[in-house]
Each structure stands twice: as structure tokens, then as C-alpha cells.
Amino acid sequence: MVTGGAGCIGTNLCRKLAELGAEKVVILDDLSSAYEWNIPKANNISFVNGSILDDEMLKRVYKEKPEYVFHLAAHFANQNSVDKPDEVKNHEILRD
């Protein structure tokens, strides 16, 4: 599984995993800073549109029993993390 797999780094990682013969690559991304058209098209890549902050969504994707998780989901250049690091750390701002 690759969280944030629709972003620049994530799509390249997913493409390479698929090319190397991974049985299944699950991308979890909320498309907040990426586009679905950017996701590599391959039979062994599946896309789930959702957030890592959504507990129900996480339960859903973990039912796939991923062997590895590459966590690339992040808010790029998020000024909140600079201005209010304690609140971001506790996910209070990210849920706004």
C-alpha cells in the first residue's frame, strides 16, 4: 500500500512496484494535492480515494492485508505545521 500514491513521488514508486511484479499495489490518496489521471494504469494497481485521517477508510484498505506500507501522504508546504506544530501533531488543524 502506498499512502499519497497519486502524488509525484508516489506515482513513480507505484509504477516501479508494479513493473517489478508486485502482486497488488493499493494506492490510498484523498487527491488533495494530486490528480487521479496521474495514477499509473496497470492491472496490479488499485486506487482508493480516501484520507489517512479517516479511520473507517483505513480499516477498509487494511482488509487487503498489505505486506508493506509506504507512507507518503502529507500536506505539502503546509504553513499550519510551521505556525502551529502542536495542533498539527494532534491532527486538530488537519481535520478543519
N, C-alpha and C. Protein backbone atom coordinates (compact mmCIF):
# COMPACT_ATOMS: atom_id res chain seq x y z
N MET A 1 0.85 -1.17 0.00
CA MET A 1 0.00 0.00 0.00
C MET A 1 0.89 1.23 0.00
N VAL A 2 0.45 2.23 -0.76
CA VAL A 2 1.17 3.50 -0.81
C VAL A 2 0.18 4.60 -0.48
N THR A 3 0.33 5.22 0.70
CA THR A 3 -0.49 6.38 1.02
C THR A 3 0.11 7.58 0.31
N GLY A 4 -0.74 8.44 -0.22
CA GLY A 4 -0.22 9.55 -1.01
C GLY A 4 0.31 9.08 -2.35
N GLY A 5 -0.18 7.95 -2.82
CA GLY A 5 0.35 7.33 -4.03
C GLY A 5 -0.02 8.02 -5.33
N ALA A 6 -0.87 9.05 -5.28
CA ALA A 6 -1.23 9.78 -6.50
C ALA A 6 -0.33 10.99 -6.72
N GLY A 7 0.54 11.28 -5.78
CA GLY A 7 1.45 12.40 -5.91
C GLY A 7 2.65 12.05 -6.79
N CYS A 8 3.52 12.99 -6.96
CA CYS A 8 4.68 12.83 -7.85
C CYS A 8 5.56 11.65 -7.44
N ILE A 9 5.99 11.63 -6.22
CA ILE A 9 6.86 10.54 -5.75
C ILE A 9 6.07 9.24 -5.68
N GLY A 10 4.84 9.32 -5.18
CA GLY A 10 4.02 8.12 -5.04
C GLY A 10 3.73 7.42 -6.34
N THR A 11 3.41 8.18 -7.39
CA THR A 11 3.12 7.53 -8.67
C THR A 11 4.34 6.84 -9.24
N ASN A 12 5.49 7.45 -9.08
CA ASN A 12 6.71 6.80 -9.57
C ASN A 12 7.02 5.53 -8.77
N LEU A 13 6.81 5.57 -7.46
CA LEU A 13 7.02 4.38 -6.64
C LEU A 13 6.04 3.28 -7.04
N CYS A 14 4.77 3.62 -7.20
CA CYS A 14 3.76 2.63 -7.56
C CYS A 14 4.04 2.02 -8.93
N ARG A 15 4.42 2.85 -9.87
CA ARG A 15 4.76 2.35 -11.21
C ARG A 15 5.91 1.34 -11.14
N LYS A 16 6.92 1.68 -10.36
CA LYS A 16 8.09 0.79 -10.25
C LYS A 16 7.72 -0.51 -9.53
N LEU A 17 6.93 -0.42 -8.46
CA LEU A 17 6.49 -1.64 -7.76
C LEU A 17 5.71 -2.55 -8.70
N ALA A 18 4.83 -1.95 -9.51
CA ALA A 18 4.05 -2.74 -10.46
C ALA A 18 4.95 -3.39 -11.51
N GLU A 19 5.92 -2.61 -12.01
CA GLU A 19 6.86 -3.15 -13.01
C GLU A 19 7.71 -4.28 -12.45
N LEU A 20 8.04 -4.20 -11.16
CA LEU A 20 8.87 -5.22 -10.54
C LEU A 20 8.08 -6.47 -10.17
N GLY A 21 6.78 -6.45 -10.44
CA GLY A 21 5.98 -7.66 -10.24
C GLY A 21 5.23 -7.75 -8.93
N ALA A 22 5.01 -6.63 -8.26
CA ALA A 22 4.21 -6.68 -7.03
C ALA A 22 2.85 -7.29 -7.37
N GLU A 23 2.37 -8.17 -6.53
CA GLU A 23 1.08 -8.83 -6.78
C GLU A 23 -0.05 -7.80 -6.85
N LYS A 24 -0.03 -6.87 -5.90
CA LYS A 24 -1.06 -5.83 -5.86
C LYS A 24 -0.49 -4.59 -5.19
N VAL A 25 -0.73 -3.43 -5.80
CA VAL A 25 -0.33 -2.15 -5.23
C VAL A 25 -1.61 -1.36 -4.98
N VAL A 26 -1.89 -1.08 -3.72
CA VAL A 26 -3.07 -0.30 -3.36
C VAL A 26 -2.63 1.13 -3.06
N ILE A 27 -3.23 2.07 -3.77
CA ILE A 27 -2.95 3.49 -3.55
C ILE A 27 -4.09 4.07 -2.74
N LEU A 28 -3.74 4.71 -1.62
CA LEU A 28 -4.73 5.45 -0.81
C LEU A 28 -4.34 6.91 -0.88
N ASP A 29 -5.23 7.72 -1.46
CA ASP A 29 -4.93 9.15 -1.62
C ASP A 29 -6.25 9.91 -1.63
N ASP A 30 -6.29 11.07 -0.98
CA ASP A 30 -7.51 11.87 -0.97
C ASP A 30 -7.53 12.92 -2.09
N LEU A 31 -6.52 12.90 -2.92
CA LEU A 31 -6.40 13.80 -4.08
C LEU A 31 -6.43 15.27 -3.69
N SER A 32 -6.00 15.58 -2.47
CA SER A 32 -5.97 16.98 -2.03
C SER A 32 -4.85 17.75 -2.71
N SER A 33 -3.83 17.05 -3.16
CA SER A 33 -2.73 17.74 -3.87
C SER A 33 -2.24 16.90 -5.05
N ALA A 34 -3.14 16.10 -5.61
CA ALA A 34 -2.80 15.25 -6.75
C ALA A 34 -4.04 15.05 -7.60
N TYR A 35 -3.87 14.37 -8.71
CA TYR A 35 -4.98 14.13 -9.64
C TYR A 35 -5.08 12.65 -9.98
N GLU A 36 -6.30 12.18 -10.13
CA GLU A 36 -6.49 10.77 -10.43
C GLU A 36 -5.86 10.38 -11.77
N TRP A 37 -5.83 11.29 -12.73
CA TRP A 37 -5.24 10.97 -14.03
C TRP A 37 -3.74 10.68 -13.93
N ASN A 38 -3.14 11.07 -12.83
CA ASN A 38 -1.70 10.86 -12.62
C ASN A 38 -1.38 9.43 -12.16
N ILE A 39 -2.38 8.69 -11.73
CA ILE A 39 -2.17 7.34 -11.19
C ILE A 39 -1.82 6.39 -12.33
N PRO A 40 -0.75 5.62 -12.17
CA PRO A 40 -0.36 4.67 -13.22
C PRO A 40 -1.47 3.65 -13.49
N LYS A 41 -1.63 3.30 -14.73
CA LYS A 41 -2.63 2.30 -15.13
C LYS A 41 -1.92 0.96 -15.30
N ALA A 42 -2.28 0.03 -14.43
CA ALA A 42 -1.74 -1.33 -14.50
C ALA A 42 -2.73 -2.26 -13.83
N ASN A 43 -2.74 -3.50 -14.26
CA ASN A 43 -3.68 -4.48 -13.70
C ASN A 43 -3.45 -4.74 -12.22
N ASN A 44 -2.22 -4.53 -11.75
CA ASN A 44 -1.92 -4.81 -10.34
C ASN A 44 -1.92 -3.55 -9.47
N ILE A 45 -2.47 -2.44 -9.98
CA ILE A 45 -2.59 -1.20 -9.20
C ILE A 45 -4.06 -0.89 -9.02
N SER A 46 -4.46 -0.66 -7.76
CA SER A 46 -5.83 -0.23 -7.49
C SER A 46 -5.78 1.07 -6.70
N PHE A 47 -6.79 1.91 -6.91
CA PHE A 47 -6.84 3.22 -6.28
C PHE A 47 -8.04 3.32 -5.35
N VAL A 48 -7.79 3.83 -4.15
CA VAL A 48 -8.85 4.10 -3.18
C VAL A 48 -8.79 5.59 -2.87
N ASN A 49 -9.88 6.29 -3.15
CA ASN A 49 -9.95 7.72 -2.89
C ASN A 49 -10.38 7.92 -1.44
N GLY A 50 -9.43 8.28 -0.58
CA GLY A 50 -9.73 8.46 0.83
C GLY A 50 -8.56 9.04 1.58
N SER A 51 -8.82 9.41 2.81
CA SER A 51 -7.84 10.08 3.66
C SER A 51 -7.26 9.14 4.70
N ILE A 52 -6.00 9.34 5.02
CA ILE A 52 -5.37 8.57 6.10
C ILE A 52 -5.92 8.98 7.45
N LEU A 53 -6.64 10.10 7.51
CA LEU A 53 -7.24 10.57 8.77
C LEU A 53 -8.61 9.96 9.01
N ASP A 54 -9.10 9.19 8.06
CA ASP A 54 -10.41 8.56 8.15
C ASP A 54 -10.24 7.12 8.64
N ASP A 55 -10.57 6.88 9.89
CA ASP A 55 -10.36 5.56 10.49
C ASP A 55 -11.10 4.45 9.75
N GLU A 56 -12.32 4.72 9.30
CA GLU A 56 -13.09 3.71 8.58
C GLU A 56 -12.43 3.37 7.24
N MET A 57 -11.90 4.38 6.59
CA MET A 57 -11.20 4.16 5.31
C MET A 57 -9.95 3.31 5.54
N LEU A 58 -9.22 3.61 6.61
CA LEU A 58 -8.03 2.83 6.92
C LEU A 58 -8.38 1.37 7.19
N LYS A 59 -9.45 1.14 7.91
CA LYS A 59 -9.89 -0.24 8.17
C LYS A 59 -10.19 -0.95 6.85
N ARG A 60 -10.82 -0.22 5.94
CA ARG A 60 -11.17 -0.80 4.64
C ARG A 60 -9.93 -1.22 3.86
N VAL A 61 -8.94 -0.35 3.78
CA VAL A 61 -7.76 -0.70 2.99
C VAL A 61 -6.88 -1.72 3.70
N TYR A 62 -6.90 -1.73 5.02
CA TYR A 62 -6.10 -2.73 5.73
C TYR A 62 -6.71 -4.12 5.66
N LYS A 63 -7.96 -4.22 5.23
CA LYS A 63 -8.54 -5.54 4.99
C LYS A 63 -7.83 -6.25 3.85
N GLU A 64 -7.15 -5.47 3.00
CA GLU A 64 -6.35 -6.02 1.91
C GLU A 64 -5.08 -6.71 2.44
N LYS A 65 -4.78 -6.50 3.72
CA LYS A 65 -3.61 -7.07 4.39
C LYS A 65 -2.30 -6.75 3.65
N PRO A 66 -1.98 -5.46 3.55
CA PRO A 66 -0.75 -5.10 2.84
C PRO A 66 0.49 -5.65 3.55
N GLU A 67 1.40 -6.14 2.76
CA GLU A 67 2.65 -6.66 3.30
C GLU A 67 3.59 -5.51 3.68
N TYR A 68 3.53 -4.43 2.91
CA TYR A 68 4.34 -3.24 3.16
C TYR A 68 3.46 -2.01 3.02
N VAL A 69 3.78 -0.97 3.78
CA VAL A 69 3.10 0.31 3.65
C VAL A 69 4.16 1.39 3.47
N PHE A 70 4.03 2.12 2.37
CA PHE A 70 4.90 3.27 2.12
C PHE A 70 4.05 4.50 2.41
N HIS A 71 4.41 5.23 3.46
CA HIS A 71 3.60 6.38 3.88
C HIS A 71 4.17 7.65 3.26
N LEU A 72 3.51 8.11 2.20
CA LEU A 72 3.94 9.32 1.51
C LEU A 72 2.89 10.42 1.61
N ALA A 73 1.79 10.17 2.27
CA ALA A 73 0.73 11.17 2.39
C ALA A 73 1.19 12.28 3.33
N ALA A 74 1.08 13.50 2.84
CA ALA A 74 1.47 14.67 3.64
C ALA A 74 0.90 15.91 3.00
N HIS A 75 0.74 16.94 3.79
CA HIS A 75 0.35 18.23 3.26
C HIS A 75 1.62 18.95 2.85
N PHE A 76 1.76 19.20 1.57
CA PHE A 76 2.95 19.82 1.02
C PHE A 76 3.01 21.29 1.40
N ALA A 77 4.16 21.70 1.95
CA ALA A 77 4.39 23.11 2.30
C ALA A 77 3.23 23.67 3.11
N ASN A 78 2.77 22.92 4.06
CA ASN A 78 1.64 23.33 4.88
C ASN A 78 2.10 24.33 5.93
N GLN A 79 1.71 25.57 5.78
CA GLN A 79 2.13 26.62 6.71
C GLN A 79 1.62 26.35 8.12
N ASN A 80 0.49 25.62 8.26
CA ASN A 80 -0.02 25.29 9.58
C ASN A 80 1.00 24.51 10.40
N SER A 81 1.77 23.65 9.77
CA SER A 81 2.74 22.85 10.51
C SER A 81 3.87 23.72 11.06
N VAL A 82 4.10 24.87 10.44
CA VAL A 82 5.12 25.80 10.93
C VAL A 82 4.53 26.70 12.01
N ASP A 83 3.32 27.22 11.76
CA ASP A 83 2.70 28.16 12.67
C ASP A 83 2.18 27.50 13.96
N LYS A 84 1.65 26.28 13.85
CA LYS A 84 1.01 25.61 14.99
C LYS A 84 1.41 24.14 15.06
N PRO A 85 2.67 23.85 15.32
CA PRO A 85 3.14 22.46 15.25
C PRO A 85 2.45 21.52 16.24
N ASP A 86 2.11 21.99 17.43
CA ASP A 86 1.47 21.12 18.41
C ASP A 86 0.07 20.70 17.95
N GLU A 87 -0.66 21.63 17.36
CA GLU A 87 -2.01 21.32 16.91
C GLU A 87 -1.98 20.39 15.70
N VAL A 88 -1.06 20.61 14.80
CA VAL A 88 -0.93 19.73 13.64
C VAL A 88 -0.54 18.33 14.09
N LYS A 89 0.35 18.28 15.06
CA LYS A 89 0.79 16.99 15.59
C LYS A 89 -0.40 16.19 16.11
N ASN A 90 -1.37 16.89 16.68
CA ASN A 90 -2.55 16.23 17.23
C ASN A 90 -3.70 16.14 16.23
N HIS A 91 -3.45 16.49 14.97
CA HIS A 91 -4.41 16.41 13.88
C HIS A 91 -5.60 17.34 14.04
N GLU A 92 -5.54 18.29 14.94
CA GLU A 92 -6.67 19.19 15.14
C GLU A 92 -6.86 20.11 13.94
N ILE A 93 -5.80 20.64 13.40
CA ILE A 93 -5.91 21.55 12.26
C ILE A 93 -6.23 20.77 11.00
N LEU A 94 -5.64 19.61 10.84
CA LEU A 94 -5.80 18.86 9.60
C LEU A 94 -7.24 18.45 9.35
N ARG A 95 -8.04 18.38 10.38
CA ARG A 95 -9.44 17.98 10.22
C ARG A 95 -10.34 19.16 9.86
N ASP A 96 -9.82 20.39 9.89
CA ASP A 96 -10.61 21.58 9.54
C ASP A 96 -10.92 21.63 8.07
